[in-house]
Amino acid sequence: MIEFVIAYDEEDVKLGSYFRKCRDQLVSTIEGIPDFDYSTNEIQAKQCNRAYLDIALQRLDDLPFIITAYMHGNFKQLVANGGRFVDADEDNTFFSNTLFYTNSCSSGKLLGPSLISDACRTFIGFDQEVYSLLGDPYEDISVSCDNHGISAFLTDDVTAYSAYKSMKDNYTQEIKKLNDAKDILRAGILISAREALVFHGDQELKKADLQTAAE
């Protein structure tokens, strides 16, 4: 069985509905994997704080898991509901032996390496400020780009680094489509996101490494 922690700030004024859509697509992907044994723990906006996180992760003590965080961020923090959720200056050893993915801005700069130093297995995120395509039909492009790496990791039996590279390649394909349509502005937004995407940690991590015995 694979344990998931899915955190998202669905109440953010500007991007709440976008973060929710990212969550929805990931859950749909997980539910669509044949014969896949999993457990999910969702952390919504009002619960996205350190105190609740400490409680939520007690059940996963010493167990490997996958965490995805759809929210805002900065170099050192993930931020949701007006406060910090994960902070590089705090003890984050409960993320040891995890795959940590976030679409937050800039957190790949300092928070990502800090998590790896606290024994997180793999971090995938962005080390600069990034923007999403919003509104139909373009929003679905950004959602799919954001989730492409974690989806590939779960469905294609590839290493975490191969999933990261596939994520980069997917950005390139979507950029080409927009350039072919002469939509230079939106293509530029995806180019910036692709270039900001970073990988830290164990390149050889695979889905099987994060499996636990079913309860």
N, C-alpha and C. Protein backbone atom coordinates (compact mmCIF):
# COMPACT_ATOMS: atom_id res chain seq x y z
N MET A 1 0.85 -1.19 0.00
CA MET A 1 0.00 0.00 0.00
C MET A 1 0.88 1.24 0.00
N ILE A 2 0.42 2.29 -0.68
CA ILE A 2 1.13 3.56 -0.68
C ILE A 2 0.27 4.60 0.03
N GLU A 3 0.89 5.31 0.94
CA GLU A 3 0.23 6.37 1.69
C GLU A 3 0.42 7.70 0.97
N PHE A 4 -0.67 8.47 0.89
CA PHE A 4 -0.62 9.80 0.28
C PHE A 4 -1.06 10.84 1.30
N VAL A 5 -0.37 11.96 1.31
CA VAL A 5 -0.84 13.16 2.00
C VAL A 5 -1.02 14.22 0.92
N ILE A 6 -2.25 14.69 0.76
CA ILE A 6 -2.56 15.67 -0.27
C ILE A 6 -3.02 16.95 0.41
N ALA A 7 -2.19 17.98 0.34
CA ALA A 7 -2.50 19.25 0.97
C ALA A 7 -2.78 20.29 -0.11
N TYR A 8 -3.81 21.10 0.11
CA TYR A 8 -4.15 22.10 -0.91
C TYR A 8 -4.93 23.25 -0.28
N ASP A 9 -4.66 24.44 -0.80
CA ASP A 9 -5.29 25.66 -0.28
C ASP A 9 -6.43 26.06 -1.21
N GLU A 10 -7.56 25.39 -1.05
CA GLU A 10 -8.70 25.64 -1.93
C GLU A 10 -9.40 26.95 -1.62
N GLU A 11 -9.00 27.62 -0.54
CA GLU A 11 -9.64 28.88 -0.17
C GLU A 11 -8.82 30.11 -0.56
N ASP A 12 -7.69 29.91 -1.22
CA ASP A 12 -6.90 31.05 -1.67
C ASP A 12 -7.73 31.92 -2.63
N VAL A 13 -7.66 33.22 -2.43
CA VAL A 13 -8.51 34.15 -3.20
C VAL A 13 -8.25 34.05 -4.70
N LYS A 14 -7.00 33.99 -5.09
CA LYS A 14 -6.66 34.01 -6.51
C LYS A 14 -6.61 32.62 -7.14
N LEU A 15 -6.07 31.65 -6.41
CA LEU A 15 -5.79 30.35 -7.03
C LEU A 15 -6.47 29.18 -6.32
N GLY A 16 -7.40 29.46 -5.43
CA GLY A 16 -8.04 28.38 -4.69
C GLY A 16 -8.68 27.34 -5.59
N SER A 17 -9.42 27.78 -6.59
CA SER A 17 -10.09 26.83 -7.49
C SER A 17 -9.07 26.07 -8.33
N TYR A 18 -7.96 26.72 -8.66
CA TYR A 18 -6.90 26.04 -9.41
C TYR A 18 -6.24 24.96 -8.56
N PHE A 19 -5.90 25.29 -7.33
CA PHE A 19 -5.29 24.29 -6.45
C PHE A 19 -6.24 23.11 -6.24
N ARG A 20 -7.54 23.41 -6.14
CA ARG A 20 -8.53 22.34 -5.99
C ARG A 20 -8.57 21.45 -7.23
N LYS A 21 -8.46 22.08 -8.39
CA LYS A 21 -8.48 21.30 -9.62
C LYS A 21 -7.25 20.40 -9.73
N CYS A 22 -6.11 20.88 -9.26
CA CYS A 22 -4.90 20.03 -9.23
C CYS A 22 -5.13 18.82 -8.34
N ARG A 23 -5.73 19.07 -7.16
CA ARG A 23 -6.05 17.97 -6.26
C ARG A 23 -7.00 16.98 -6.92
N ASP A 24 -8.04 17.48 -7.57
CA ASP A 24 -9.04 16.61 -8.18
C ASP A 24 -8.42 15.72 -9.25
N GLN A 25 -7.55 16.30 -10.07
CA GLN A 25 -6.93 15.51 -11.13
C GLN A 25 -6.02 14.43 -10.55
N LEU A 26 -5.26 14.76 -9.52
CA LEU A 26 -4.39 13.76 -8.89
C LEU A 26 -5.22 12.62 -8.32
N VAL A 27 -6.28 12.95 -7.59
CA VAL A 27 -7.12 11.91 -7.00
C VAL A 27 -7.72 11.03 -8.09
N SER A 28 -8.14 11.64 -9.19
CA SER A 28 -8.69 10.88 -10.31
C SER A 28 -7.64 9.91 -10.88
N THR A 29 -6.40 10.38 -10.97
CA THR A 29 -5.32 9.52 -11.45
C THR A 29 -5.10 8.34 -10.52
N ILE A 30 -5.04 8.63 -9.22
CA ILE A 30 -4.83 7.57 -8.23
C ILE A 30 -5.95 6.53 -8.29
N GLU A 31 -7.18 7.02 -8.34
CA GLU A 31 -8.34 6.11 -8.36
C GLU A 31 -8.40 5.29 -9.64
N GLY A 32 -7.76 5.78 -10.71
CA GLY A 32 -7.83 5.08 -11.99
C GLY A 32 -6.74 4.04 -12.20
N ILE A 33 -5.82 3.90 -11.25
CA ILE A 33 -4.75 2.92 -11.40
C ILE A 33 -5.28 1.53 -11.04
N PRO A 34 -5.23 0.57 -11.95
CA PRO A 34 -5.80 -0.75 -11.67
C PRO A 34 -5.09 -1.46 -10.51
N ASP A 35 -5.88 -2.08 -9.66
CA ASP A 35 -5.35 -2.92 -8.57
C ASP A 35 -4.32 -2.18 -7.71
N PHE A 36 -4.58 -0.92 -7.46
CA PHE A 36 -3.65 -0.08 -6.70
C PHE A 36 -4.16 0.07 -5.27
N ASP A 37 -3.36 -0.37 -4.33
CA ASP A 37 -3.72 -0.29 -2.91
C ASP A 37 -3.14 1.00 -2.33
N TYR A 38 -3.99 1.87 -1.84
CA TYR A 38 -3.51 3.16 -1.37
C TYR A 38 -4.40 3.68 -0.25
N SER A 39 -3.87 4.68 0.45
CA SER A 39 -4.63 5.38 1.48
C SER A 39 -4.30 6.87 1.36
N THR A 40 -5.31 7.72 1.46
CA THR A 40 -5.08 9.15 1.33
C THR A 40 -5.47 9.89 2.61
N ASN A 41 -4.71 10.89 2.91
CA ASN A 41 -5.01 11.81 4.01
C ASN A 41 -4.99 13.21 3.41
N GLU A 42 -6.13 13.84 3.32
CA GLU A 42 -6.21 15.16 2.71
C GLU A 42 -6.16 16.25 3.77
N ILE A 43 -5.41 17.30 3.47
CA ILE A 43 -5.28 18.44 4.37
C ILE A 43 -5.75 19.67 3.62
N GLN A 44 -6.92 20.18 3.98
CA GLN A 44 -7.50 21.34 3.31
C GLN A 44 -7.01 22.63 3.95
N ALA A 45 -7.42 23.74 3.35
CA ALA A 45 -6.87 25.05 3.69
C ALA A 45 -6.84 25.34 5.18
N LYS A 46 -7.97 25.17 5.85
CA LYS A 46 -8.05 25.52 7.28
C LYS A 46 -7.17 24.62 8.15
N GLN A 47 -6.78 23.47 7.62
CA GLN A 47 -5.93 22.55 8.35
C GLN A 47 -4.45 22.69 7.98
N CYS A 48 -4.17 23.55 7.02
CA CYS A 48 -2.79 23.68 6.53
C CYS A 48 -1.97 24.54 7.49
N ASN A 49 -1.64 23.97 8.62
CA ASN A 49 -0.78 24.63 9.59
C ASN A 49 0.09 23.57 10.26
N ARG A 50 1.11 24.02 10.93
CA ARG A 50 2.09 23.09 11.49
C ARG A 50 1.47 22.20 12.58
N ALA A 51 0.60 22.79 13.39
CA ALA A 51 0.00 22.01 14.49
C ALA A 51 -0.80 20.84 13.94
N TYR A 52 -1.62 21.09 12.92
CA TYR A 52 -2.42 20.00 12.36
C TYR A 52 -1.53 18.99 11.65
N LEU A 53 -0.50 19.49 10.95
CA LEU A 53 0.41 18.59 10.25
C LEU A 53 1.07 17.61 11.20
N ASP A 54 1.49 18.11 12.35
CA ASP A 54 2.10 17.22 13.35
C ASP A 54 1.15 16.10 13.75
N ILE A 55 -0.13 16.44 13.92
CA ILE A 55 -1.12 15.44 14.32
C ILE A 55 -1.39 14.46 13.18
N ALA A 56 -1.56 15.01 11.96
CA ALA A 56 -1.90 14.18 10.81
C ALA A 56 -0.82 13.16 10.49
N LEU A 57 0.43 13.54 10.71
CA LEU A 57 1.53 12.64 10.34
C LEU A 57 1.91 11.65 11.43
N GLN A 58 1.28 11.77 12.59
CA GLN A 58 1.57 10.80 13.65
C GLN A 58 1.23 9.38 13.21
N ARG A 59 0.14 9.24 12.46
CA ARG A 59 -0.26 7.91 11.99
C ARG A 59 0.77 7.31 11.04
N LEU A 60 1.54 8.19 10.38
CA LEU A 60 2.52 7.73 9.39
C LEU A 60 3.92 7.67 9.96
N ASP A 61 4.04 7.68 11.27
CA ASP A 61 5.34 7.68 11.92
C ASP A 61 6.21 6.55 11.39
N ASP A 62 7.35 6.93 10.83
CA ASP A 62 8.35 5.98 10.30
C ASP A 62 7.91 5.28 9.01
N LEU A 63 6.73 5.62 8.47
CA LEU A 63 6.29 5.01 7.22
C LEU A 63 6.65 5.91 6.03
N PRO A 64 7.02 5.32 4.90
CA PRO A 64 7.21 6.14 3.70
C PRO A 64 5.86 6.62 3.18
N PHE A 65 5.85 7.78 2.54
CA PHE A 65 4.62 8.27 1.92
C PHE A 65 4.94 9.28 0.84
N ILE A 66 3.94 9.62 0.07
CA ILE A 66 4.02 10.65 -0.96
C ILE A 66 3.21 11.84 -0.49
N ILE A 67 3.82 13.02 -0.50
CA ILE A 67 3.08 14.23 -0.17
C ILE A 67 3.07 15.17 -1.36
N THR A 68 1.90 15.67 -1.68
CA THR A 68 1.75 16.70 -2.70
C THR A 68 1.14 17.92 -2.04
N ALA A 69 1.67 19.09 -2.37
CA ALA A 69 1.19 20.33 -1.76
C ALA A 69 0.89 21.35 -2.86
N TYR A 70 -0.39 21.67 -2.99
CA TYR A 70 -0.84 22.64 -3.98
C TYR A 70 -1.18 23.94 -3.25
N MET A 71 -0.24 24.87 -3.26
CA MET A 71 -0.41 26.10 -2.50
C MET A 71 0.71 27.08 -2.88
N HIS A 72 0.68 28.24 -2.25
CA HIS A 72 1.73 29.23 -2.48
C HIS A 72 2.98 28.86 -1.69
N GLY A 73 4.08 29.53 -2.04
CA GLY A 73 5.32 29.29 -1.33
C GLY A 73 6.32 30.41 -1.55
N ASN A 74 7.42 30.31 -0.84
CA ASN A 74 8.56 31.19 -1.04
C ASN A 74 9.82 30.35 -0.89
N PHE A 75 10.98 30.97 -0.87
CA PHE A 75 12.22 30.19 -0.83
C PHE A 75 12.26 29.19 0.32
N LYS A 76 11.71 29.55 1.48
CA LYS A 76 11.88 28.75 2.68
C LYS A 76 10.60 28.09 3.18
N GLN A 77 9.44 28.41 2.59
CA GLN A 77 8.19 27.96 3.18
C GLN A 77 7.16 27.56 2.14
N LEU A 78 6.24 26.71 2.58
CA LEU A 78 4.95 26.55 1.93
C LEU A 78 3.95 27.34 2.76
N VAL A 79 3.07 28.08 2.08
CA VAL A 79 2.17 28.99 2.76
C VAL A 79 0.74 28.71 2.34
N ALA A 80 -0.16 28.63 3.32
CA ALA A 80 -1.58 28.39 3.03
C ALA A 80 -2.42 29.02 4.12
N ASN A 81 -3.60 29.46 3.73
CA ASN A 81 -4.57 30.00 4.69
C ASN A 81 -3.95 31.11 5.56
N GLY A 82 -3.07 31.89 4.95
CA GLY A 82 -2.49 33.03 5.64
C GLY A 82 -1.34 32.74 6.57
N GLY A 83 -0.88 31.50 6.61
CA GLY A 83 0.23 31.16 7.50
C GLY A 83 1.14 30.10 6.91
N ARG A 84 2.22 29.82 7.61
CA ARG A 84 3.17 28.84 7.09
C ARG A 84 2.66 27.42 7.32
N PHE A 85 2.96 26.56 6.38
CA PHE A 85 2.58 25.15 6.48
C PHE A 85 3.81 24.28 6.70
N VAL A 86 4.82 24.48 5.88
CA VAL A 86 6.12 23.80 6.05
C VAL A 86 7.19 24.87 5.97
N ASP A 87 8.16 24.81 6.89
CA ASP A 87 9.16 25.87 7.01
C ASP A 87 10.55 25.24 7.10
N ALA A 88 11.48 25.73 6.31
CA ALA A 88 12.83 25.17 6.31
C ALA A 88 13.54 25.35 7.64
N ASP A 89 13.10 26.31 8.45
CA ASP A 89 13.76 26.58 9.72
C ASP A 89 13.26 25.67 10.85
N GLU A 90 12.31 24.80 10.56
CA GLU A 90 11.77 23.90 11.58
C GLU A 90 12.25 22.47 11.34
N ASP A 91 12.02 21.65 12.33
CA ASP A 91 12.38 20.23 12.21
C ASP A 91 11.38 19.54 11.28
N ASN A 92 11.87 19.04 10.16
CA ASN A 92 11.00 18.37 9.19
C ASN A 92 11.37 16.91 9.00
N THR A 93 11.90 16.30 10.04
CA THR A 93 12.33 14.91 9.90
C THR A 93 11.16 13.95 9.71
N PHE A 94 9.92 14.39 10.00
CA PHE A 94 8.81 13.47 9.73
C PHE A 94 8.54 13.31 8.24
N PHE A 95 9.26 14.08 7.39
CA PHE A 95 9.19 13.86 5.95
C PHE A 95 10.29 12.92 5.47
N SER A 96 10.99 12.28 6.40
CA SER A 96 12.02 11.32 6.00
C SER A 96 11.37 10.17 5.24
N ASN A 97 12.08 9.71 4.23
CA ASN A 97 11.62 8.58 3.41
C ASN A 97 10.32 8.90 2.66
N THR A 98 10.22 10.14 2.16
CA THR A 98 9.04 10.53 1.39
C THR A 98 9.45 11.07 0.03
N LEU A 99 8.48 11.05 -0.88
CA LEU A 99 8.56 11.83 -2.11
C LEU A 99 7.70 13.06 -1.89
N PHE A 100 8.29 14.23 -2.05
CA PHE A 100 7.62 15.50 -1.76
C PHE A 100 7.51 16.28 -3.07
N TYR A 101 6.27 16.53 -3.51
CA TYR A 101 6.06 17.34 -4.71
C TYR A 101 5.17 18.53 -4.37
N THR A 102 5.55 19.70 -4.85
CA THR A 102 4.73 20.89 -4.68
C THR A 102 4.80 21.77 -5.93
N ASN A 103 3.68 22.41 -6.26
CA ASN A 103 3.67 23.36 -7.37
C ASN A 103 3.79 24.80 -6.87
N SER A 104 4.21 24.97 -5.63
CA SER A 104 4.36 26.30 -5.05
C SER A 104 5.54 27.05 -5.65
N CYS A 105 5.46 28.36 -5.63
CA CYS A 105 6.55 29.19 -6.12
C CYS A 105 7.78 29.08 -5.22
N SER A 106 8.95 28.99 -5.83
CA SER A 106 10.25 29.27 -5.20
C SER A 106 10.72 28.29 -4.14
N SER A 107 9.87 27.38 -3.66
CA SER A 107 10.25 26.53 -2.53
C SER A 107 11.37 25.54 -2.87
N GLY A 108 11.62 25.31 -4.14
CA GLY A 108 12.72 24.44 -4.52
C GLY A 108 14.09 25.06 -4.29
N LYS A 109 14.10 26.35 -3.98
CA LYS A 109 15.38 27.06 -3.79
C LYS A 109 16.05 26.67 -2.47
N LEU A 110 15.34 26.81 -1.37
CA LEU A 110 15.91 26.52 -0.05
C LEU A 110 15.16 25.43 0.70
N LEU A 111 13.82 25.44 0.63
CA LEU A 111 13.04 24.44 1.35
C LEU A 111 13.34 23.04 0.83
N GLY A 112 13.39 22.87 -0.48
CA GLY A 112 13.65 21.55 -1.05
C GLY A 112 14.95 20.94 -0.55
N PRO A 113 16.08 21.63 -0.69
CA PRO A 113 17.34 21.09 -0.16
C PRO A 113 17.30 20.86 1.35
N SER A 114 16.59 21.73 2.08
CA SER A 114 16.48 21.55 3.53
C SER A 114 15.74 20.26 3.86
N LEU A 115 14.67 19.96 3.12
CA LEU A 115 13.93 18.72 3.35
C LEU A 115 14.81 17.51 3.07
N ILE A 116 15.61 17.59 2.01
CA ILE A 116 16.51 16.48 1.70
C ILE A 116 17.51 16.28 2.82
N SER A 117 18.00 17.36 3.40
CA SER A 117 18.95 17.24 4.52
C SER A 117 18.28 16.63 5.75
N ASP A 118 16.95 16.70 5.82
CA ASP A 118 16.19 16.07 6.91
C ASP A 118 15.72 14.67 6.53
N ALA A 119 16.33 14.09 5.49
CA ALA A 119 16.12 12.69 5.08
C ALA A 119 14.91 12.47 4.19
N CYS A 120 14.28 13.52 3.69
CA CYS A 120 13.29 13.34 2.62
C CYS A 120 14.01 12.69 1.44
N ARG A 121 13.37 11.70 0.81
CA ARG A 121 14.04 10.97 -0.27
C ARG A 121 14.18 11.80 -1.54
N THR A 122 13.08 12.43 -1.95
CA THR A 122 13.07 13.16 -3.22
C THR A 122 12.16 14.37 -3.10
N PHE A 123 12.61 15.49 -3.66
CA PHE A 123 11.81 16.71 -3.73
C PHE A 123 11.75 17.16 -5.18
N ILE A 124 10.54 17.44 -5.66
CA ILE A 124 10.34 18.03 -6.98
C ILE A 124 9.49 19.28 -6.79
N GLY A 125 9.97 20.40 -7.32
CA GLY A 125 9.23 21.64 -7.18
C GLY A 125 9.84 22.73 -8.05
N PHE A 126 9.60 23.97 -7.69
CA PHE A 126 10.04 25.11 -8.50
C PHE A 126 10.91 26.03 -7.65
N ASP A 127 12.00 26.52 -8.23
CA ASP A 127 12.91 27.37 -7.46
C ASP A 127 12.78 28.85 -7.80
N GLN A 128 11.76 29.21 -8.56
CA GLN A 128 11.49 30.59 -8.89
C GLN A 128 9.98 30.83 -8.85
N GLU A 129 9.60 32.10 -8.95
CA GLU A 129 8.18 32.42 -9.04
C GLU A 129 7.64 31.92 -10.37
N VAL A 130 6.53 31.23 -10.32
CA VAL A 130 5.93 30.68 -11.54
C VAL A 130 4.46 31.08 -11.59
N TYR A 131 3.92 31.02 -12.80
CA TYR A 131 2.52 31.39 -13.01
C TYR A 131 1.80 30.25 -13.72
N SER A 132 0.50 30.20 -13.54
CA SER A 132 -0.33 29.18 -14.17
C SER A 132 -1.22 29.82 -15.22
N LEU A 133 -1.55 29.04 -16.23
CA LEU A 133 -2.53 29.49 -17.21
C LEU A 133 -3.91 29.32 -16.58
N LEU A 134 -4.70 30.36 -16.58
CA LEU A 134 -6.00 30.32 -15.94
C LEU A 134 -7.12 30.54 -16.95
N GLY A 135 -8.28 29.99 -16.65
CA GLY A 135 -9.43 30.14 -17.53
C GLY A 135 -9.45 29.10 -18.63
N ASP A 136 -10.65 28.74 -19.07
CA ASP A 136 -10.80 27.75 -20.14
C ASP A 136 -10.33 28.35 -21.46
N PRO A 137 -9.73 27.51 -22.33
CA PRO A 137 -9.39 26.09 -22.12
C PRO A 137 -7.97 25.89 -21.60
N TYR A 138 -7.32 26.98 -21.23
CA TYR A 138 -5.88 26.90 -20.96
C TYR A 138 -5.55 26.36 -19.57
N GLU A 139 -6.47 26.52 -18.63
CA GLU A 139 -6.19 26.11 -17.25
C GLU A 139 -5.87 24.63 -17.16
N ASP A 140 -6.55 23.82 -17.93
CA ASP A 140 -6.31 22.37 -17.90
C ASP A 140 -4.89 22.04 -18.34
N ILE A 141 -4.31 22.89 -19.21
CA ILE A 141 -2.93 22.65 -19.64
C ILE A 141 -1.99 22.77 -18.45
N SER A 142 -2.15 23.84 -17.67
CA SER A 142 -1.28 24.03 -16.50
C SER A 142 -1.50 22.96 -15.45
N VAL A 143 -2.76 22.58 -15.21
CA VAL A 143 -3.03 21.53 -14.23
C VAL A 143 -2.33 20.23 -14.64
N SER A 144 -2.46 19.88 -15.90
CA SER A 144 -1.83 18.64 -16.38
C SER A 144 -0.31 18.73 -16.32
N CYS A 145 0.24 19.91 -16.64
CA CYS A 145 1.69 20.08 -16.52
C CYS A 145 2.14 19.94 -15.07
N ASP A 146 1.39 20.55 -14.16
CA ASP A 146 1.73 20.46 -12.74
C ASP A 146 1.72 19.03 -12.24
N ASN A 147 0.80 18.22 -12.72
CA ASN A 147 0.64 16.86 -12.20
C ASN A 147 1.32 15.80 -13.05
N HIS A 148 1.91 16.19 -14.15
CA HIS A 148 2.45 15.19 -15.08
C HIS A 148 3.52 14.31 -14.42
N GLY A 149 4.40 14.92 -13.66
CA GLY A 149 5.49 14.15 -13.07
C GLY A 149 5.01 13.12 -12.06
N ILE A 150 4.16 13.54 -11.15
CA ILE A 150 3.67 12.61 -10.13
C ILE A 150 2.80 11.54 -10.77
N SER A 151 2.05 11.90 -11.81
CA SER A 151 1.23 10.91 -12.51
C SER A 151 2.11 9.88 -13.21
N ALA A 152 3.19 10.33 -13.85
CA ALA A 152 4.10 9.40 -14.51
C ALA A 152 4.76 8.47 -13.50
N PHE A 153 5.13 9.01 -12.36
CA PHE A 153 5.76 8.20 -11.31
C PHE A 153 4.82 7.10 -10.84
N LEU A 154 3.54 7.41 -10.76
CA LEU A 154 2.56 6.44 -10.24
C LEU A 154 2.11 5.43 -11.29
N THR A 155 2.04 5.84 -12.54
CA THR A 155 1.42 4.98 -13.56
C THR A 155 2.41 4.29 -14.49
N ASP A 156 3.63 4.80 -14.62
CA ASP A 156 4.57 4.28 -15.62
C ASP A 156 5.70 3.45 -15.04
N ASP A 157 5.73 3.26 -13.71
CA ASP A 157 6.77 2.48 -13.06
C ASP A 157 8.16 2.98 -13.44
N VAL A 158 8.36 4.30 -13.32
CA VAL A 158 9.64 4.91 -13.64
C VAL A 158 10.26 5.48 -12.37
N THR A 159 11.54 5.82 -12.43
CA THR A 159 12.19 6.45 -11.30
C THR A 159 11.67 7.88 -11.14
N ALA A 160 11.91 8.42 -9.96
CA ALA A 160 11.47 9.79 -9.70
C ALA A 160 12.14 10.77 -10.66
N TYR A 161 13.42 10.53 -10.96
CA TYR A 161 14.11 11.45 -11.87
C TYR A 161 13.58 11.32 -13.30
N SER A 162 13.25 10.11 -13.72
CA SER A 162 12.64 9.94 -15.05
C SER A 162 11.29 10.64 -15.11
N ALA A 163 10.53 10.60 -14.01
CA ALA A 163 9.25 11.29 -13.96
C ALA A 163 9.45 12.80 -14.06
N TYR A 164 10.49 13.29 -13.39
CA TYR A 164 10.84 14.71 -13.48
C TYR A 164 11.21 15.10 -14.91
N LYS A 165 12.02 14.28 -15.57
CA LYS A 165 12.40 14.56 -16.95
C LYS A 165 11.18 14.50 -17.87
N SER A 166 10.27 13.57 -17.61
CA SER A 166 9.04 13.48 -18.39
C SER A 166 8.20 14.73 -18.20
N MET A 167 8.20 15.26 -16.99
CA MET A 167 7.49 16.51 -16.71
C MET A 167 8.07 17.65 -17.54
N LYS A 168 9.38 17.74 -17.60
CA LYS A 168 10.04 18.76 -18.43
C LYS A 168 9.66 18.58 -19.90
N ASP A 169 9.70 17.33 -20.37
CA ASP A 169 9.37 17.05 -21.77
C ASP A 169 7.92 17.43 -22.07
N ASN A 170 7.03 17.18 -21.12
CA ASN A 170 5.62 17.53 -21.33
C ASN A 170 5.44 19.03 -21.45
N TYR A 171 6.16 19.78 -20.62
CA TYR A 171 6.14 21.24 -20.77
C TYR A 171 6.57 21.63 -22.19
N THR A 172 7.64 21.02 -22.67
CA THR A 172 8.15 21.35 -24.00
C THR A 172 7.11 21.07 -25.08
N GLN A 173 6.39 19.97 -24.96
CA GLN A 173 5.35 19.64 -25.94
C GLN A 173 4.22 20.67 -25.91
N GLU A 174 3.80 21.07 -24.71
CA GLU A 174 2.72 22.05 -24.61
C GLU A 174 3.18 23.43 -25.08
N ILE A 175 4.43 23.75 -24.84
CA ILE A 175 4.99 25.02 -25.32
C ILE A 175 4.99 25.05 -26.84
N LYS A 176 5.36 23.94 -27.46
CA LYS A 176 5.37 23.88 -28.93
C LYS A 176 3.96 24.09 -29.50
N LYS A 177 2.96 23.49 -28.87
CA LYS A 177 1.59 23.65 -29.33
C LYS A 177 1.16 25.12 -29.27
N LEU A 178 1.51 25.79 -28.20
CA LEU A 178 1.15 27.19 -28.05
C LEU A 178 1.92 28.07 -29.03
N ASN A 179 3.20 27.76 -29.22
CA ASN A 179 3.98 28.52 -30.20
C ASN A 179 3.44 28.33 -31.61
N ASP A 180 3.05 27.09 -31.93
CA ASP A 180 2.46 26.82 -33.25
C ASP A 180 1.17 27.60 -33.46
N ALA A 181 0.46 27.85 -32.34
CA ALA A 181 -0.79 28.61 -32.41
C ALA A 181 -0.53 30.11 -32.29
N LYS A 182 0.75 30.52 -32.31
CA LYS A 182 1.15 31.93 -32.19
C LYS A 182 0.75 32.54 -30.86
N ASP A 183 0.60 31.70 -29.82
CA ASP A 183 0.25 32.19 -28.49
C ASP A 183 1.54 32.32 -27.68
N ILE A 184 2.31 33.34 -28.02
CA ILE A 184 3.65 33.50 -27.48
C ILE A 184 3.61 33.80 -25.98
N LEU A 185 2.64 34.59 -25.54
CA LEU A 185 2.57 34.97 -24.13
C LEU A 185 2.37 33.75 -23.24
N ARG A 186 1.39 32.92 -23.57
CA ARG A 186 1.13 31.73 -22.75
C ARG A 186 2.28 30.73 -22.85
N ALA A 187 2.88 30.63 -24.05
CA ALA A 187 4.04 29.75 -24.19
C ALA A 187 5.17 30.22 -23.27
N GLY A 188 5.34 31.53 -23.15
CA GLY A 188 6.38 32.08 -22.29
C GLY A 188 6.15 31.74 -20.82
N ILE A 189 4.89 31.72 -20.40
CA ILE A 189 4.57 31.35 -19.02
C ILE A 189 5.00 29.91 -18.74
N LEU A 190 4.73 29.01 -19.70
CA LEU A 190 5.13 27.62 -19.51
C LEU A 190 6.64 27.44 -19.60
N ILE A 191 7.29 28.23 -20.45
CA ILE A 191 8.76 28.16 -20.53
C ILE A 191 9.37 28.52 -19.19
N SER A 192 8.87 29.59 -18.56
CA SER A 192 9.38 30.00 -17.26
C SER A 192 9.19 28.91 -16.21
N ALA A 193 8.03 28.25 -16.25
CA ALA A 193 7.77 27.17 -15.30
C ALA A 193 8.71 25.99 -15.55
N ARG A 194 8.89 25.64 -16.80
CA ARG A 194 9.78 24.52 -17.12
C ARG A 194 11.20 24.79 -16.62
N GLU A 195 11.68 26.00 -16.82
CA GLU A 195 13.04 26.33 -16.43
C GLU A 195 13.19 26.43 -14.91
N ALA A 196 12.10 26.69 -14.21
CA ALA A 196 12.15 26.79 -12.75
C ALA A 196 12.01 25.44 -12.05
N LEU A 197 11.63 24.41 -12.80
CA LEU A 197 11.40 23.09 -12.21
C LEU A 197 12.72 22.45 -11.78
N VAL A 198 12.78 22.00 -10.52
CA VAL A 198 14.02 21.44 -10.00
C VAL A 198 13.78 20.09 -9.33
N PHE A 199 14.85 19.35 -9.23
CA PHE A 199 14.84 18.02 -8.60
C PHE A 199 15.94 17.97 -7.56
N HIS A 200 15.61 17.47 -6.38
CA HIS A 200 16.60 17.25 -5.32
C HIS A 200 16.43 15.84 -4.76
N GLY A 201 17.54 15.19 -4.45
CA GLY A 201 17.45 13.92 -3.75
C GLY A 201 17.72 12.70 -4.59
N ASP A 202 17.05 11.61 -4.23
CA ASP A 202 17.29 10.28 -4.77
C ASP A 202 16.71 10.14 -6.18
N GLN A 203 17.58 10.06 -7.17
CA GLN A 203 17.13 9.95 -8.56
C GLN A 203 16.56 8.57 -8.88
N GLU A 204 16.93 7.57 -8.10
CA GLU A 204 16.52 6.20 -8.41
C GLU A 204 15.26 5.76 -7.67
N LEU A 205 14.66 6.63 -6.88
CA LEU A 205 13.45 6.28 -6.12
C LEU A 205 12.34 5.82 -7.06
N LYS A 206 11.70 4.71 -6.70
CA LYS A 206 10.57 4.20 -7.48
C LYS A 206 9.37 3.97 -6.56
N LYS A 207 8.22 3.79 -7.19
CA LYS A 207 6.98 3.63 -6.45
C LYS A 207 7.07 2.48 -5.44
N ALA A 208 7.70 1.40 -5.84
CA ALA A 208 7.82 0.24 -4.96
C ALA A 208 8.59 0.56 -3.68
N ASP A 209 9.47 1.55 -3.72
CA ASP A 209 10.26 1.91 -2.55
C ASP A 209 9.39 2.59 -1.48
N LEU A 210 8.22 3.04 -1.87
CA LEU A 210 7.36 3.78 -0.94
C LEU A 210 6.17 2.93 -0.48
N GLN A 211 6.17 1.67 -0.81
CA GLN A 211 5.05 0.81 -0.43
C GLN A 211 5.21 0.34 1.01
N THR A 212 4.09 0.25 1.69
CA THR A 212 4.07 -0.27 3.06
C THR A 212 3.14 -1.47 3.12
N ALA A 213 3.24 -2.22 4.18
CA ALA A 213 2.35 -3.37 4.35
C ALA A 213 0.94 -2.86 4.65
N ALA A 214 -0.06 -3.43 4.01
CA ALA A 214 -1.44 -3.03 4.25
C ALA A 214 -1.84 -3.39 5.66
N GLU A 215 -2.62 -2.47 6.27
CA GLU A 215 -3.08 -2.72 7.63
C GLU A 215 -4.19 -3.77 7.64
